[in-house]
Amino acid sequence: MAAKAKDPTEAIRLKASKYPGVDQGTACTQSSFKAGKKAFLFIGPQGGRFKAMFKLKDSKPEAAALAKKEPDRYEVGSTGWITARFSAENPMPKTIWSKWLDESYALTVAPKKKGTK
C-alpha cells in the first residue's frame, strides 16, 4: 500500500493553534482560527488541493505580485483576504505562510484605533 501524502496544512494549523487566545472551529468545509471573535486563518481541502486564506495589510503588495505571477495559486481579495492554493507535491513556501500567518494574527489582535471600524 502506498504511503499517504503528508498533509501540507499540518504545520500551518499547528503554528496557528499556538498563538495566545486562539479558538479553532469550522466555517463551511474549512477550519477556521480565531482570536476573540475575528478570524485570521481559514484552511482546508478544496477540489483536490488545499486552500489557506490570510488577512493581510503590509504584505498585500507581495501577495499581489505573487498573484500576478501565479494566478492559479494566489488571489488577492478586495477586503485584504489573500487566498493561497497548494498541494502536498507543491506546498506553500514556509517563509511565506509563516510571515503571512504572523501578520494575519497580529491584525486580528491589534487594538482598534479611535474612529475606525
PDB file of N, CA and C in Angstrom:
ATOM      1  N   MET A   1       0.841  -1.170   0.000  1.00  0.00           N
ATOM      2  CA  MET A   1       0.000   0.000   0.000  1.00  0.00           C
ATOM      3  C   MET A   1       0.896   1.248   0.000  1.00  0.00           C
ATOM      4  N   ALA A   2       0.519   2.236  -0.797  1.00  0.00           N
ATOM      5  CA  ALA A   2       1.314   3.458  -0.913  1.00  0.00           C
ATOM      6  C   ALA A   2       1.170   4.293   0.358  1.00  0.00           C
ATOM      7  N   ALA A   3       2.239   4.981   0.698  1.00  0.00           N
ATOM      8  CA  ALA A   3       2.209   5.851   1.871  1.00  0.00           C
ATOM      9  C   ALA A   3       1.325   7.060   1.582  1.00  0.00           C
ATOM     10  N   LYS A   4       0.581   7.459   2.572  1.00  0.00           N
ATOM     11  CA  LYS A   4      -0.289   8.627   2.429  1.00  0.00           C
ATOM     12  C   LYS A   4       0.580   9.879   2.362  1.00  0.00           C
ATOM     13  N   ALA A   5       0.231  10.761   1.422  1.00  0.00           N
ATOM     14  CA  ALA A   5       0.979  12.012   1.287  1.00  0.00           C
ATOM     15  C   ALA A   5       0.807  12.841   2.557  1.00  0.00           C
ATOM     16  N   LYS A   6       1.879  13.515   2.950  1.00  0.00           N
ATOM     17  CA  LYS A   6       1.835  14.368   4.149  1.00  0.00           C
ATOM     18  C   LYS A   6       0.876  15.536   3.903  1.00  0.00           C
ATOM     19  N   ASP A   7       0.114  15.864   4.909  1.00  0.00           N
ATOM     20  CA  ASP A   7      -0.837  16.977   4.829  1.00  0.00           C
ATOM     21  C   ASP A   7      -0.047  18.289   4.877  1.00  0.00           C
ATOM     22  N   PRO A   8      -0.039  19.061   3.786  1.00  0.00           N
ATOM     23  CA  PRO A   8       0.750  20.293   3.770  1.00  0.00           C
ATOM     24  C   PRO A   8       0.161  21.412   4.635  1.00  0.00           C
ATOM     25  N   THR A   9      -1.024  21.191   5.202  1.00  0.00           N
ATOM     26  CA  THR A   9      -1.616  22.208   6.076  1.00  0.00           C
ATOM     27  C   THR A   9      -1.263  21.984   7.541  1.00  0.00           C
ATOM     28  N   GLU A  10      -0.700  20.836   7.853  1.00  0.00           N
ATOM     29  CA  GLU A  10      -0.438  20.456   9.248  1.00  0.00           C
ATOM     30  C   GLU A  10       0.424  21.465   9.997  1.00  0.00           C
ATOM     31  N   ALA A  11       1.544  21.868   9.410  1.00  0.00           N
ATOM     32  CA  ALA A  11       2.447  22.808  10.085  1.00  0.00           C
ATOM     33  C   ALA A  11       1.788  24.178  10.259  1.00  0.00           C
ATOM     34  N   ILE A  12       0.990  24.606   9.272  1.00  0.00           N
ATOM     35  CA  ILE A  12       0.309  25.898   9.353  1.00  0.00           C
ATOM     36  C   ILE A  12      -0.717  25.864  10.480  1.00  0.00           C
ATOM     37  N   ARG A  13      -1.509  24.791  10.536  1.00  0.00           N
ATOM     38  CA  ARG A  13      -2.516  24.637  11.589  1.00  0.00           C
ATOM     39  C   ARG A  13      -1.861  24.609  12.977  1.00  0.00           C
ATOM     40  N   LEU A  14      -0.762  23.892  13.085  1.00  0.00           N
ATOM     41  CA  LEU A  14      -0.067  23.768  14.365  1.00  0.00           C
ATOM     42  C   LEU A  14       0.406  25.142  14.857  1.00  0.00           C
ATOM     43  N   LYS A  15       1.036  25.908  13.969  1.00  0.00           N
ATOM     44  CA  LYS A  15       1.514  27.236  14.364  1.00  0.00           C
ATOM     45  C   LYS A  15       0.331  28.129  14.745  1.00  0.00           C
ATOM     46  N   ALA A  16      -0.741  28.095  13.957  1.00  0.00           N
ATOM     47  CA  ALA A  16      -1.921  28.935  14.225  1.00  0.00           C
ATOM     48  C   ALA A  16      -2.534  28.604  15.582  1.00  0.00           C
ATOM     49  N   SER A  17      -2.534  27.331  15.941  1.00  0.00           N
ATOM     50  CA  SER A  17      -3.163  26.915  17.199  1.00  0.00           C
ATOM     51  C   SER A  17      -2.352  27.319  18.421  1.00  0.00           C
ATOM     52  N   LYS A  18      -1.084  27.690  18.234  1.00  0.00           N
ATOM     53  CA  LYS A  18      -0.208  28.028  19.363  1.00  0.00           C
ATOM     54  C   LYS A  18      -0.214  29.506  19.746  1.00  0.00           C
ATOM     55  N   TYR A  19      -0.851  30.366  18.938  1.00  0.00           N
ATOM     56  CA  TYR A  19      -0.940  31.777  19.318  1.00  0.00           C
ATOM     57  C   TYR A  19      -1.835  31.891  20.552  1.00  0.00           C
ATOM     58  N   PRO A  20      -1.609  32.901  21.395  1.00  0.00           N
ATOM     59  CA  PRO A  20      -2.455  33.087  22.583  1.00  0.00           C
ATOM     60  C   PRO A  20      -3.909  33.400  22.214  1.00  0.00           C
ATOM     61  N   GLY A  21      -4.836  32.802  22.947  1.00  0.00           N
ATOM     62  CA  GLY A  21      -6.255  33.118  22.810  1.00  0.00           C
ATOM     63  C   GLY A  21      -6.935  32.635  21.549  1.00  0.00           C
ATOM     64  N   VAL A  22      -6.403  31.600  20.924  1.00  0.00           N
ATOM     65  CA  VAL A  22      -6.958  31.119  19.661  1.00  0.00           C
ATOM     66  C   VAL A  22      -8.022  30.050  19.880  1.00  0.00           C
ATOM     67  N   ASP A  23      -9.116  30.205  19.153  1.00  0.00           N
ATOM     68  CA  ASP A  23     -10.164  29.191  19.106  1.00  0.00           C
ATOM     69  C   ASP A  23     -10.195  28.636  17.699  1.00  0.00           C
ATOM     70  N   GLN A  24     -10.345  27.319  17.603  1.00  0.00           N
ATOM     71  CA  GLN A  24     -10.421  26.681  16.302  1.00  0.00           C
ATOM     72  C   GLN A  24     -11.842  26.189  16.090  1.00  0.00           C
ATOM     73  N   GLY A  25     -12.347  26.381  14.883  1.00  0.00           N
ATOM     74  CA  GLY A  25     -13.686  25.940  14.546  1.00  0.00           C
ATOM     75  C   GLY A  25     -13.756  25.530  13.095  1.00  0.00           C
ATOM     76  N   THR A  26     -14.975  25.505  12.564  1.00  0.00           N
ATOM     77  CA  THR A  26     -15.178  25.151  11.173  1.00  0.00           C
ATOM     78  C   THR A  26     -16.107  26.166  10.530  1.00  0.00           C
ATOM     79  N   ALA A  27     -15.741  26.602   9.344  1.00  0.00           N
ATOM     80  CA  ALA A  27     -16.575  27.500   8.548  1.00  0.00           C
ATOM     81  C   ALA A  27     -16.706  26.853   7.172  1.00  0.00           C
ATOM     82  N   CYS A  28     -17.916  26.440   6.834  1.00  0.00           N
ATOM     83  CA  CYS A  28     -18.166  25.667   5.618  1.00  0.00           C
ATOM     84  C   CYS A  28     -17.319  24.395   5.703  1.00  0.00           C
ATOM     85  N   THR A  29     -16.442  24.151   4.747  1.00  0.00           N
ATOM     86  CA  THR A  29     -15.601  22.946   4.787  1.00  0.00           C
ATOM     87  C   THR A  29     -14.190  23.250   5.271  1.00  0.00           C
ATOM     88  N   GLN A  30     -13.946  24.496   5.667  1.00  0.00           N
ATOM     89  CA  GLN A  30     -12.607  24.913   6.071  1.00  0.00           C
ATOM     90  C   GLN A  30     -12.487  25.001   7.588  1.00  0.00           C
ATOM     91  N   SER A  31     -11.295  24.751   8.096  1.00  0.00           N
ATOM     92  CA  SER A  31     -11.021  25.011   9.501  1.00  0.00           C
ATOM     93  C   SER A  31     -10.820  26.511   9.649  1.00  0.00           C
ATOM     94  N   SER A  32     -11.319  27.064  10.743  1.00  0.00           N
ATOM     95  CA  SER A  32     -11.126  28.491  10.985  1.00  0.00           C
ATOM     96  C   SER A  32     -10.376  28.665  12.298  1.00  0.00           C
ATOM     97  N   PHE A  33      -9.525  29.654  12.318  1.00  0.00           N
ATOM     98  CA  PHE A  33      -8.764  30.002  13.508  1.00  0.00           C
ATOM     99  C   PHE A  33      -9.105  31.440  13.834  1.00  0.00           C
ATOM    100  N   LYS A  34      -9.558  31.670  15.073  1.00  0.00           N
ATOM    101  CA  LYS A  34      -9.994  32.997  15.506  1.00  0.00           C
ATOM    102  C   LYS A  34      -9.268  33.408  16.770  1.00  0.00           C
ATOM    103  N   ALA A  35      -9.091  34.699  16.904  1.00  0.00           N
ATOM    104  CA  ALA A  35      -8.617  35.302  18.145  1.00  0.00           C
ATOM    105  C   ALA A  35      -9.721  36.273  18.535  1.00  0.00           C
ATOM    106  N   GLY A  36     -10.331  36.025  19.668  1.00  0.00           N
ATOM    107  CA  GLY A  36     -11.519  36.792  20.013  1.00  0.00           C
ATOM    108  C   GLY A  36     -12.631  36.343  19.083  1.00  0.00           C
ATOM    109  N   LYS A  37     -13.279  37.287  18.458  1.00  0.00           N
ATOM    110  CA  LYS A  37     -14.356  36.939  17.527  1.00  0.00           C
ATOM    111  C   LYS A  37     -13.934  37.091  16.078  1.00  0.00           C
ATOM    112  N   LYS A  38     -12.655  37.407  15.847  1.00  0.00           N
ATOM    113  CA  LYS A  38     -12.189  37.674  14.488  1.00  0.00           C
ATOM    114  C   LYS A  38     -11.305  36.546  13.971  1.00  0.00           C
ATOM    115  N   ALA A  39     -11.633  36.079  12.772  1.00  0.00           N
ATOM    116  CA  ALA A  39     -10.847  35.026  12.134  1.00  0.00           C
ATOM    117  C   ALA A  39      -9.567  35.611  11.541  1.00  0.00           C
ATOM    118  N   PHE A  40      -8.501  34.818  11.616  1.00  0.00           N
ATOM    119  CA  PHE A  40      -7.256  35.230  10.977  1.00  0.00           C
ATOM    120  C   PHE A  40      -6.743  34.177  10.001  1.00  0.00           C
ATOM    121  N   LEU A  41      -7.379  32.987   9.985  1.00  0.00           N
ATOM    122  CA  LEU A  41      -6.968  31.937   9.060  1.00  0.00           C
ATOM    123  C   LEU A  41      -8.141  31.012   8.777  1.00  0.00           C
ATOM    124  N   PHE A  42      -8.338  30.718   7.496  1.00  0.00           N
ATOM    125  CA  PHE A  42      -9.232  29.654   7.049  1.00  0.00           C
ATOM    126  C   PHE A  42      -8.357  28.711   6.250  1.00  0.00           C
ATOM    127  N   ILE A  43      -8.474  27.411   6.503  1.00  0.00           N
ATOM    128  CA  ILE A  43      -7.587  26.468   5.818  1.00  0.00           C
ATOM    129  C   ILE A  43      -8.259  25.113   5.688  1.00  0.00           C
ATOM    130  N   GLY A  44      -8.007  24.442   4.570  1.00  0.00           N
ATOM    131  CA  GLY A  44      -8.560  23.109   4.382  1.00  0.00           C
ATOM    132  C   GLY A  44      -8.490  22.658   2.937  1.00  0.00           C
ATOM    133  N   PRO A  45      -9.064  21.485   2.666  1.00  0.00           N
ATOM    134  CA  PRO A  45      -9.045  20.949   1.310  1.00  0.00           C
ATOM    135  C   PRO A  45      -9.999  21.712   0.393  1.00  0.00           C
ATOM    136  N   GLN A  46      -9.646  21.748  -0.880  1.00  0.00           N
ATOM    137  CA  GLN A  46     -10.515  22.365  -1.880  1.00  0.00           C
ATOM    138  C   GLN A  46     -10.204  21.768  -3.243  1.00  0.00           C
ATOM    139  N   GLY A  47     -11.136  21.004  -3.764  1.00  0.00           N
ATOM    140  CA  GLY A  47     -11.012  20.477  -5.125  1.00  0.00           C
ATOM    141  C   GLY A  47      -9.739  19.708  -5.414  1.00  0.00           C
ATOM    142  N   GLY A  48      -9.349  18.818  -4.536  1.00  0.00           N
ATOM    143  CA  GLY A  48      -8.142  18.021  -4.757  1.00  0.00           C
ATOM    144  C   GLY A  48      -6.845  18.705  -4.363  1.00  0.00           C
ATOM    145  N   ARG A  49      -6.954  19.964  -3.968  1.00  0.00           N
ATOM    146  CA  ARG A  49      -5.790  20.700  -3.473  1.00  0.00           C
ATOM    147  C   ARG A  49      -6.138  21.218  -2.083  1.00  0.00           C
ATOM    148  N   PHE A  50      -5.378  22.166  -1.612  1.00  0.00           N
ATOM    149  CA  PHE A  50      -5.623  22.792  -0.318  1.00  0.00           C
ATOM    150  C   PHE A  50      -5.701  24.294  -0.523  1.00  0.00           C
ATOM    151  N   LYS A  51      -6.376  24.949   0.416  1.00  0.00           N
ATOM    152  CA  LYS A  51      -6.538  26.400   0.338  1.00  0.00           C
ATOM    153  C   LYS A  51      -6.297  26.970   1.725  1.00  0.00           C
ATOM    154  N   ALA A  52      -5.593  28.100   1.772  1.00  0.00           N
ATOM    155  CA  ALA A  52      -5.412  28.851   3.010  1.00  0.00           C
ATOM    156  C   ALA A  52      -5.732  30.309   2.713  1.00  0.00           C
ATOM    157  N   MET A  53      -6.447  30.940   3.640  1.00  0.00           N
ATOM    158  CA  MET A  53      -6.790  32.353   3.494  1.00  0.00           C
ATOM    159  C   MET A  53      -6.256  33.117   4.698  1.00  0.00           C
ATOM    160  N   PHE A  54      -5.524  34.190   4.412  1.00  0.00           N
ATOM    161  CA  PHE A  54      -4.897  35.034   5.427  1.00  0.00           C
ATOM    162  C   PHE A  54      -5.397  36.465   5.256  1.00  0.00           C
ATOM    163  N   LYS A  55      -5.588  37.179   6.353  1.00  0.00           N
ATOM    164  CA  LYS A  55      -5.949  38.603   6.313  1.00  0.00           C
ATOM    165  C   LYS A  55      -4.646  39.392   6.369  1.00  0.00           C
ATOM    166  N   LEU A  56      -4.339  40.167   5.312  1.00  0.00           N
ATOM    167  CA  LEU A  56      -3.066  40.880   5.248  1.00  0.00           C
ATOM    168  C   LEU A  56      -3.253  42.374   5.027  1.00  0.00           C
ATOM    169  N   LYS A  57      -2.244  43.120   5.425  1.00  0.00           N
ATOM    170  CA  LYS A  57      -2.195  44.564   5.167  1.00  0.00           C
ATOM    171  C   LYS A  57      -0.823  44.903   4.589  1.00  0.00           C
ATOM    172  N   ASP A  58       0.225  44.792   5.408  1.00  0.00           N
ATOM    173  CA  ASP A  58       1.573  45.156   4.964  1.00  0.00           C
ATOM    174  C   ASP A  58       2.100  44.245   3.856  1.00  0.00           C
ATOM    175  N   SER A  59       1.720  42.983   3.862  1.00  0.00           N
ATOM    176  CA  SER A  59       2.216  42.020   2.862  1.00  0.00           C
ATOM    177  C   SER A  59       1.325  41.937   1.625  1.00  0.00           C
ATOM    178  N   LYS A  60       0.300  42.777   1.566  1.00  0.00           N
ATOM    179  CA  LYS A  60      -0.620  42.731   0.426  1.00  0.00           C
ATOM    180  C   LYS A  60       0.099  42.978  -0.914  1.00  0.00           C
ATOM    181  N   PRO A  61       1.059  43.935  -1.006  1.00  0.00           N
ATOM    182  CA  PRO A  61       1.775  44.117  -2.279  1.00  0.00           C
ATOM    183  C   PRO A  61       2.561  42.861  -2.697  1.00  0.00           C
ATOM    184  N   GLU A  62       3.181  42.193  -1.721  1.00  0.00           N
ATOM    185  CA  GLU A  62       3.904  40.945  -2.005  1.00  0.00           C
ATOM    186  C   GLU A  62       2.922  39.897  -2.531  1.00  0.00           C
ATOM    187  N   ALA A  63       1.754  39.795  -1.897  1.00  0.00           N
ATOM    188  CA  ALA A  63       0.736  38.829  -2.322  1.00  0.00           C
ATOM    189  C   ALA A  63       0.225  39.163  -3.725  1.00  0.00           C
ATOM    190  N   ALA A  64       0.051  40.452  -4.000  1.00  0.00           N
ATOM    191  CA  ALA A  64      -0.415  40.867  -5.329  1.00  0.00           C
ATOM    192  C   ALA A  64       0.603  40.503  -6.410  1.00  0.00           C
ATOM    193  N   ALA A  65       1.893  40.648  -6.089  1.00  0.00           N
ATOM    194  CA  ALA A  65       2.944  40.278  -7.043  1.00  0.00           C
ATOM    195  C   ALA A  65       2.929  38.771  -7.296  1.00  0.00           C
ATOM    196  N   LEU A  66       2.735  37.995  -6.238  1.00  0.00           N
ATOM    197  CA  LEU A  66       2.645  36.537  -6.403  1.00  0.00           C
ATOM    198  C   LEU A  66       1.410  36.166  -7.212  1.00  0.00           C
ATOM    199  N   ALA A  67       0.298  36.849  -6.969  1.00  0.00           N
ATOM    200  CA  ALA A  67      -0.945  36.568  -7.693  1.00  0.00           C
ATOM    201  C   ALA A  67      -0.790  36.878  -9.179  1.00  0.00           C
ATOM    202  N   LYS A  68      -0.033  37.918  -9.487  1.00  0.00           N
ATOM    203  CA  LYS A  68       0.195  38.274 -10.894  1.00  0.00           C
ATOM    204  C   LYS A  68       1.062  37.211 -11.573  1.00  0.00           C
ATOM    205  N   LYS A  69       2.057  36.718 -10.836  1.00  0.00           N
ATOM    206  CA  LYS A  69       2.990  35.729 -11.370  1.00  0.00           C
ATOM    207  C   LYS A  69       2.377  34.329 -11.418  1.00  0.00           C
ATOM    208  N   GLU A  70       1.586  33.978 -10.391  1.00  0.00           N
ATOM    209  CA  GLU A  70       0.992  32.643 -10.288  1.00  0.00           C
ATOM    210  C   GLU A  70      -0.503  32.756  -9.946  1.00  0.00           C
ATOM    211  N   PRO A  71      -1.329  33.214 -10.903  1.00  0.00           N
ATOM    212  CA  PRO A  71      -2.747  33.453 -10.609  1.00  0.00           C
ATOM    213  C   PRO A  71      -3.540  32.200 -10.232  1.00  0.00           C
ATOM    214  N   ASP A  72      -3.046  31.036 -10.600  1.00  0.00           N
ATOM    215  CA  ASP A  72      -3.730  29.795 -10.212  1.00  0.00           C
ATOM    216  C   ASP A  72      -3.444  29.424  -8.756  1.00  0.00           C
ATOM    217  N   ARG A  73      -2.438  30.030  -8.156  1.00  0.00           N
ATOM    218  CA  ARG A  73      -2.061  29.712  -6.767  1.00  0.00           C
ATOM    219  C   ARG A  73      -2.421  30.801  -5.767  1.00  0.00           C
ATOM    220  N   TYR A  74      -2.371  32.060  -6.173  1.00  0.00           N
ATOM    221  CA  TYR A  74      -2.598  33.164  -5.245  1.00  0.00           C
ATOM    222  C   TYR A  74      -3.675  34.104  -5.775  1.00  0.00           C
ATOM    223  N   GLU A  75      -4.486  34.598  -4.852  1.00  0.00           N
ATOM    224  CA  GLU A  75      -5.558  35.517  -5.208  1.00  0.00           C
ATOM    225  C   GLU A  75      -5.685  36.562  -4.100  1.00  0.00           C
ATOM    226  N   VAL A  76      -5.803  37.819  -4.501  1.00  0.00           N
ATOM    227  CA  VAL A  76      -5.935  38.911  -3.548  1.00  0.00           C
ATOM    228  C   VAL A  76      -7.369  39.421  -3.594  1.00  0.00           C
ATOM    229  N   GLY A  77      -8.049  39.333  -2.460  1.00  0.00           N
ATOM    230  CA  GLY A  77      -9.412  39.836  -2.379  1.00  0.00           C
ATOM    231  C   GLY A  77      -9.437  41.317  -2.073  1.00  0.00           C
ATOM    232  N   SER A  78     -10.551  41.961  -2.358  1.00  0.00           N
ATOM    233  CA  SER A  78     -10.659  43.412  -2.169  1.00  0.00           C
ATOM    234  C   SER A  78     -10.669  43.824  -0.703  1.00  0.00           C
ATOM    235  N   THR A  79     -10.985  42.884   0.212  1.00  0.00           N
ATOM    236  CA  THR A  79     -11.046  43.230   1.638  1.00  0.00           C
ATOM    237  C   THR A  79      -9.776  42.866   2.403  1.00  0.00           C
ATOM    238  N   GLY A  80      -8.724  42.480   1.689  1.00  0.00           N
ATOM    239  CA  GLY A  80      -7.463  42.162   2.349  1.00  0.00           C
ATOM    240  C   GLY A  80      -7.244  40.681   2.597  1.00  0.00           C
ATOM    241  N   TRP A  81      -8.218  39.851   2.265  1.00  0.00           N
ATOM    242  CA  TRP A  81      -8.036  38.409   2.414  1.00  0.00           C
ATOM    243  C   TRP A  81      -7.287  37.874   1.208  1.00  0.00           C
ATOM    244  N   ILE A  82      -6.225  37.127   1.475  1.00  0.00           N
ATOM    245  CA  ILE A  82      -5.384  36.541   0.444  1.00  0.00           C
ATOM    246  C   ILE A  82      -5.625  35.034   0.450  1.00  0.00           C
ATOM    247  N   THR A  83      -5.884  34.472  -0.721  1.00  0.00           N
ATOM    248  CA  THR A  83      -6.089  33.034  -0.843  1.00  0.00           C
ATOM    249  C   THR A  83      -4.862  32.420  -1.500  1.00  0.00           C
ATOM    250  N   ALA A  84      -4.363  31.351  -0.898  1.00  0.00           N
ATOM    251  CA  ALA A  84      -3.245  30.588  -1.461  1.00  0.00           C
ATOM    252  C   ALA A  84      -3.736  29.163  -1.688  1.00  0.00           C
ATOM    253  N   ARG A  85      -3.471  28.623  -2.865  1.00  0.00           N
ATOM    254  CA  ARG A  85      -3.848  27.242  -3.188  1.00  0.00           C
ATOM    255  C   ARG A  85      -2.570  26.450  -3.412  1.00  0.00           C
ATOM    256  N   PHE A  86      -2.539  25.231  -2.873  1.00  0.00           N
ATOM    257  CA  PHE A  86      -1.323  24.437  -2.943  1.00  0.00           C
ATOM    258  C   PHE A  86      -1.661  22.957  -2.802  1.00  0.00           C
ATOM    259  N   SER A  87      -0.649  22.116  -2.951  1.00  0.00           N
ATOM    260  CA  SER A  87      -0.823  20.671  -2.841  1.00  0.00           C
ATOM    261  C   SER A  87       0.316  20.090  -2.010  1.00  0.00           C
ATOM    262  N   ALA A  88       0.218  18.814  -1.709  1.00  0.00           N
ATOM    263  CA  ALA A  88       1.296  18.146  -0.972  1.00  0.00           C
ATOM    264  C   ALA A  88       2.570  18.129  -1.817  1.00  0.00           C
ATOM    265  N   GLU A  89       2.418  18.007  -3.128  1.00  0.00           N
ATOM    266  CA  GLU A  89       3.571  17.974  -4.040  1.00  0.00           C
ATOM    267  C   GLU A  89       4.153  19.366  -4.273  1.00  0.00           C
ATOM    268  N   ASN A  90       3.326  20.378  -4.158  1.00  0.00           N
ATOM    269  CA  ASN A  90       3.761  21.757  -4.382  1.00  0.00           C
ATOM    270  C   ASN A  90       3.221  22.634  -3.250  1.00  0.00           C
ATOM    271  N   PRO A  91       3.762  22.445  -2.024  1.00  0.00           N
ATOM    272  CA  PRO A  91       3.231  23.164  -0.856  1.00  0.00           C
ATOM    273  C   PRO A  91       3.558  24.652  -0.895  1.00  0.00           C
ATOM    274  N   MET A  92       2.854  25.379  -0.062  1.00  0.00           N
ATOM    275  CA  MET A  92       3.111  26.810   0.084  1.00  0.00           C
ATOM    276  C   MET A  92       4.460  26.966   0.797  1.00  0.00           C
ATOM    277  N   PRO A  93       5.346  27.825   0.299  1.00  0.00           N
ATOM    278  CA  PRO A  93       6.652  28.001   0.956  1.00  0.00           C
ATOM    279  C   PRO A  93       6.497  28.454   2.408  1.00  0.00           C
ATOM    280  N   LYS A  94       7.238  27.818   3.308  1.00  0.00           N
ATOM    281  CA  LYS A  94       7.133  28.122   4.734  1.00  0.00           C
ATOM    282  C   LYS A  94       7.471  29.582   5.031  1.00  0.00           C
ATOM    283  N   THR A  95       8.442  30.139   4.334  1.00  0.00           N
ATOM    284  CA  THR A  95       8.806  31.531   4.588  1.00  0.00           C
ATOM    285  C   THR A  95       7.620  32.461   4.333  1.00  0.00           C
ATOM    286  N   ILE A  96       6.790  32.119   3.348  1.00  0.00           N
ATOM    287  CA  ILE A  96       5.628  32.955   3.034  1.00  0.00           C
ATOM    288  C   ILE A  96       4.506  32.706   4.027  1.00  0.00           C
ATOM    289  N   TRP A  97       4.094  31.436   4.212  1.00  0.00           N
ATOM    290  CA  TRP A  97       2.939  31.201   5.082  1.00  0.00           C
ATOM    291  C   TRP A  97       3.222  31.600   6.525  1.00  0.00           C
ATOM    292  N   SER A  98       4.443  31.426   6.981  1.00  0.00           N
ATOM    293  CA  SER A  98       4.769  31.777   8.355  1.00  0.00           C
ATOM    294  C   SER A  98       4.660  33.291   8.566  1.00  0.00           C
ATOM    295  N   LYS A  99       5.202  34.053   7.638  1.00  0.00           N
ATOM    296  CA  LYS A  99       5.139  35.517   7.707  1.00  0.00           C
ATOM    297  C   LYS A  99       3.685  35.989   7.615  1.00  0.00           C
ATOM    298  N   TRP A 100       2.933  35.438   6.671  1.00  0.00           N
ATOM    299  CA  TRP A 100       1.545  35.845   6.483  1.00  0.00           C
ATOM    300  C   TRP A 100       0.686  35.451   7.686  1.00  0.00           C
ATOM    301  N   LEU A 101       0.956  34.307   8.268  1.00  0.00           N
ATOM    302  CA  LEU A 101       0.195  33.871   9.439  1.00  0.00           C
ATOM    303  C   LEU A 101       0.457  34.801  10.623  1.00  0.00           C
ATOM    304  N   ASP A 102       1.713  35.153  10.848  1.00  0.00           N
ATOM    305  CA  ASP A 102       2.051  36.100  11.924  1.00  0.00           C
ATOM    306  C   ASP A 102       1.328  37.436  11.713  1.00  0.00           C
ATOM    307  N   GLU A 103       1.358  37.927  10.493  1.00  0.00           N
ATOM    308  CA  GLU A 103       0.720  39.213  10.190  1.00  0.00           C
ATOM    309  C   GLU A 103      -0.797  39.135  10.358  1.00  0.00           C
ATOM    310  N   SER A 104      -1.390  38.062   9.860  1.00  0.00           N
ATOM    311  CA  SER A 104      -2.836  37.900   9.941  1.00  0.00           C
ATOM    312  C   SER A 104      -3.293  37.847  11.402  1.00  0.00           C
ATOM    313  N   TYR A 105      -2.578  37.094  12.222  1.00  0.00           N
ATOM    314  CA  TYR A 105      -2.904  37.028  13.651  1.00  0.00           C
ATOM    315  C   TYR A 105      -2.740  38.399  14.301  1.00  0.00           C
ATOM    316  N   ALA A 106      -1.628  39.077  14.013  1.00  0.00           N
ATOM    317  CA  ALA A 106      -1.351  40.397  14.611  1.00  0.00           C
ATOM    318  C   ALA A 106      -2.444  41.400  14.254  1.00  0.00           C
ATOM    319  N   LEU A 107      -2.934  41.363  13.021  1.00  0.00           N
ATOM    320  CA  LEU A 107      -4.013  42.271  12.614  1.00  0.00           C
ATOM    321  C   LEU A 107      -5.294  41.986  13.383  1.00  0.00           C
ATOM    322  N   THR A 108      -5.514  40.737  13.703  1.00  0.00           N
ATOM    323  CA  THR A 108      -6.732  40.333  14.405  1.00  0.00           C
ATOM    324  C   THR A 108      -6.720  40.794  15.858  1.00  0.00           C
ATOM    325  N   VAL A 109      -5.578  40.738  16.504  1.00  0.00           N
ATOM    326  CA  VAL A 109      -5.499  41.068  17.924  1.00  0.00           C
ATOM    327  C   VAL A 109      -5.080  42.515  18.192  1.00  0.00           C
ATOM    328  N   ALA A 110      -4.719  43.245  17.128  1.00  0.00           N
ATOM    329  CA  ALA A 110      -4.285  44.637  17.310  1.00  0.00           C
ATOM    330  C   ALA A 110      -5.440  45.482  17.846  1.00  0.00           C
ATOM    331  N   PRO A 111      -5.160  46.356  18.797  1.00  0.00           N
ATOM    332  CA  PRO A 111      -6.232  47.227  19.305  1.00  0.00           C
ATOM    333  C   PRO A 111      -6.703  48.173  18.207  1.00  0.00           C
ATOM    334  N   LYS A 112      -7.992  48.414  18.195  1.00  0.00           N
ATOM    335  CA  LYS A 112      -8.560  49.326  17.198  1.00  0.00           C
ATOM    336  C   LYS A 112      -8.202  50.762  17.556  1.00  0.00           C
ATOM    337  N   LYS A 113      -7.958  51.555  16.508  1.00  0.00           N
ATOM    338  CA  LYS A 113      -7.703  52.972  16.714  1.00  0.00           C
ATOM    339  C   LYS A 113      -9.033  53.687  16.797  1.00  0.00           C
ATOM    340  N   LYS A 114      -9.065  54.745  17.585  1.00  0.00           N
ATOM    341  CA  LYS A 114     -10.315  55.518  17.720  1.00  0.00           C
ATOM    342  C   LYS A 114     -10.722  56.062  16.347  1.00  0.00           C
ATOM    343  N   GLY A 115     -12.020  55.966  16.096  1.00  0.00           N
ATOM    344  CA  GLY A 115     -12.548  56.496  14.845  1.00  0.00           C
ATOM    345  C   GLY A 115     -12.512  55.502  13.700  1.00  0.00           C
ATOM    346  N   THR A 116     -12.045  54.260  13.933  1.00  0.00           N
ATOM    347  CA  THR A 116     -12.038  53.257  12.861  1.00  0.00           C
ATOM    348  C   THR A 116     -12.998  52.144  13.235  1.00  0.00           C
ATOM    349  N   LYS A 117     -13.427  51.447  12.225  1.00  0.00           N
ATOM    350  CA  LYS A 117     -14.356  50.329  12.447  1.00  0.00           C
ATOM    351  C   LYS A 117     -13.610  49.030  12.488  1.00  0.00           C
TER     352      LYS A 117
END
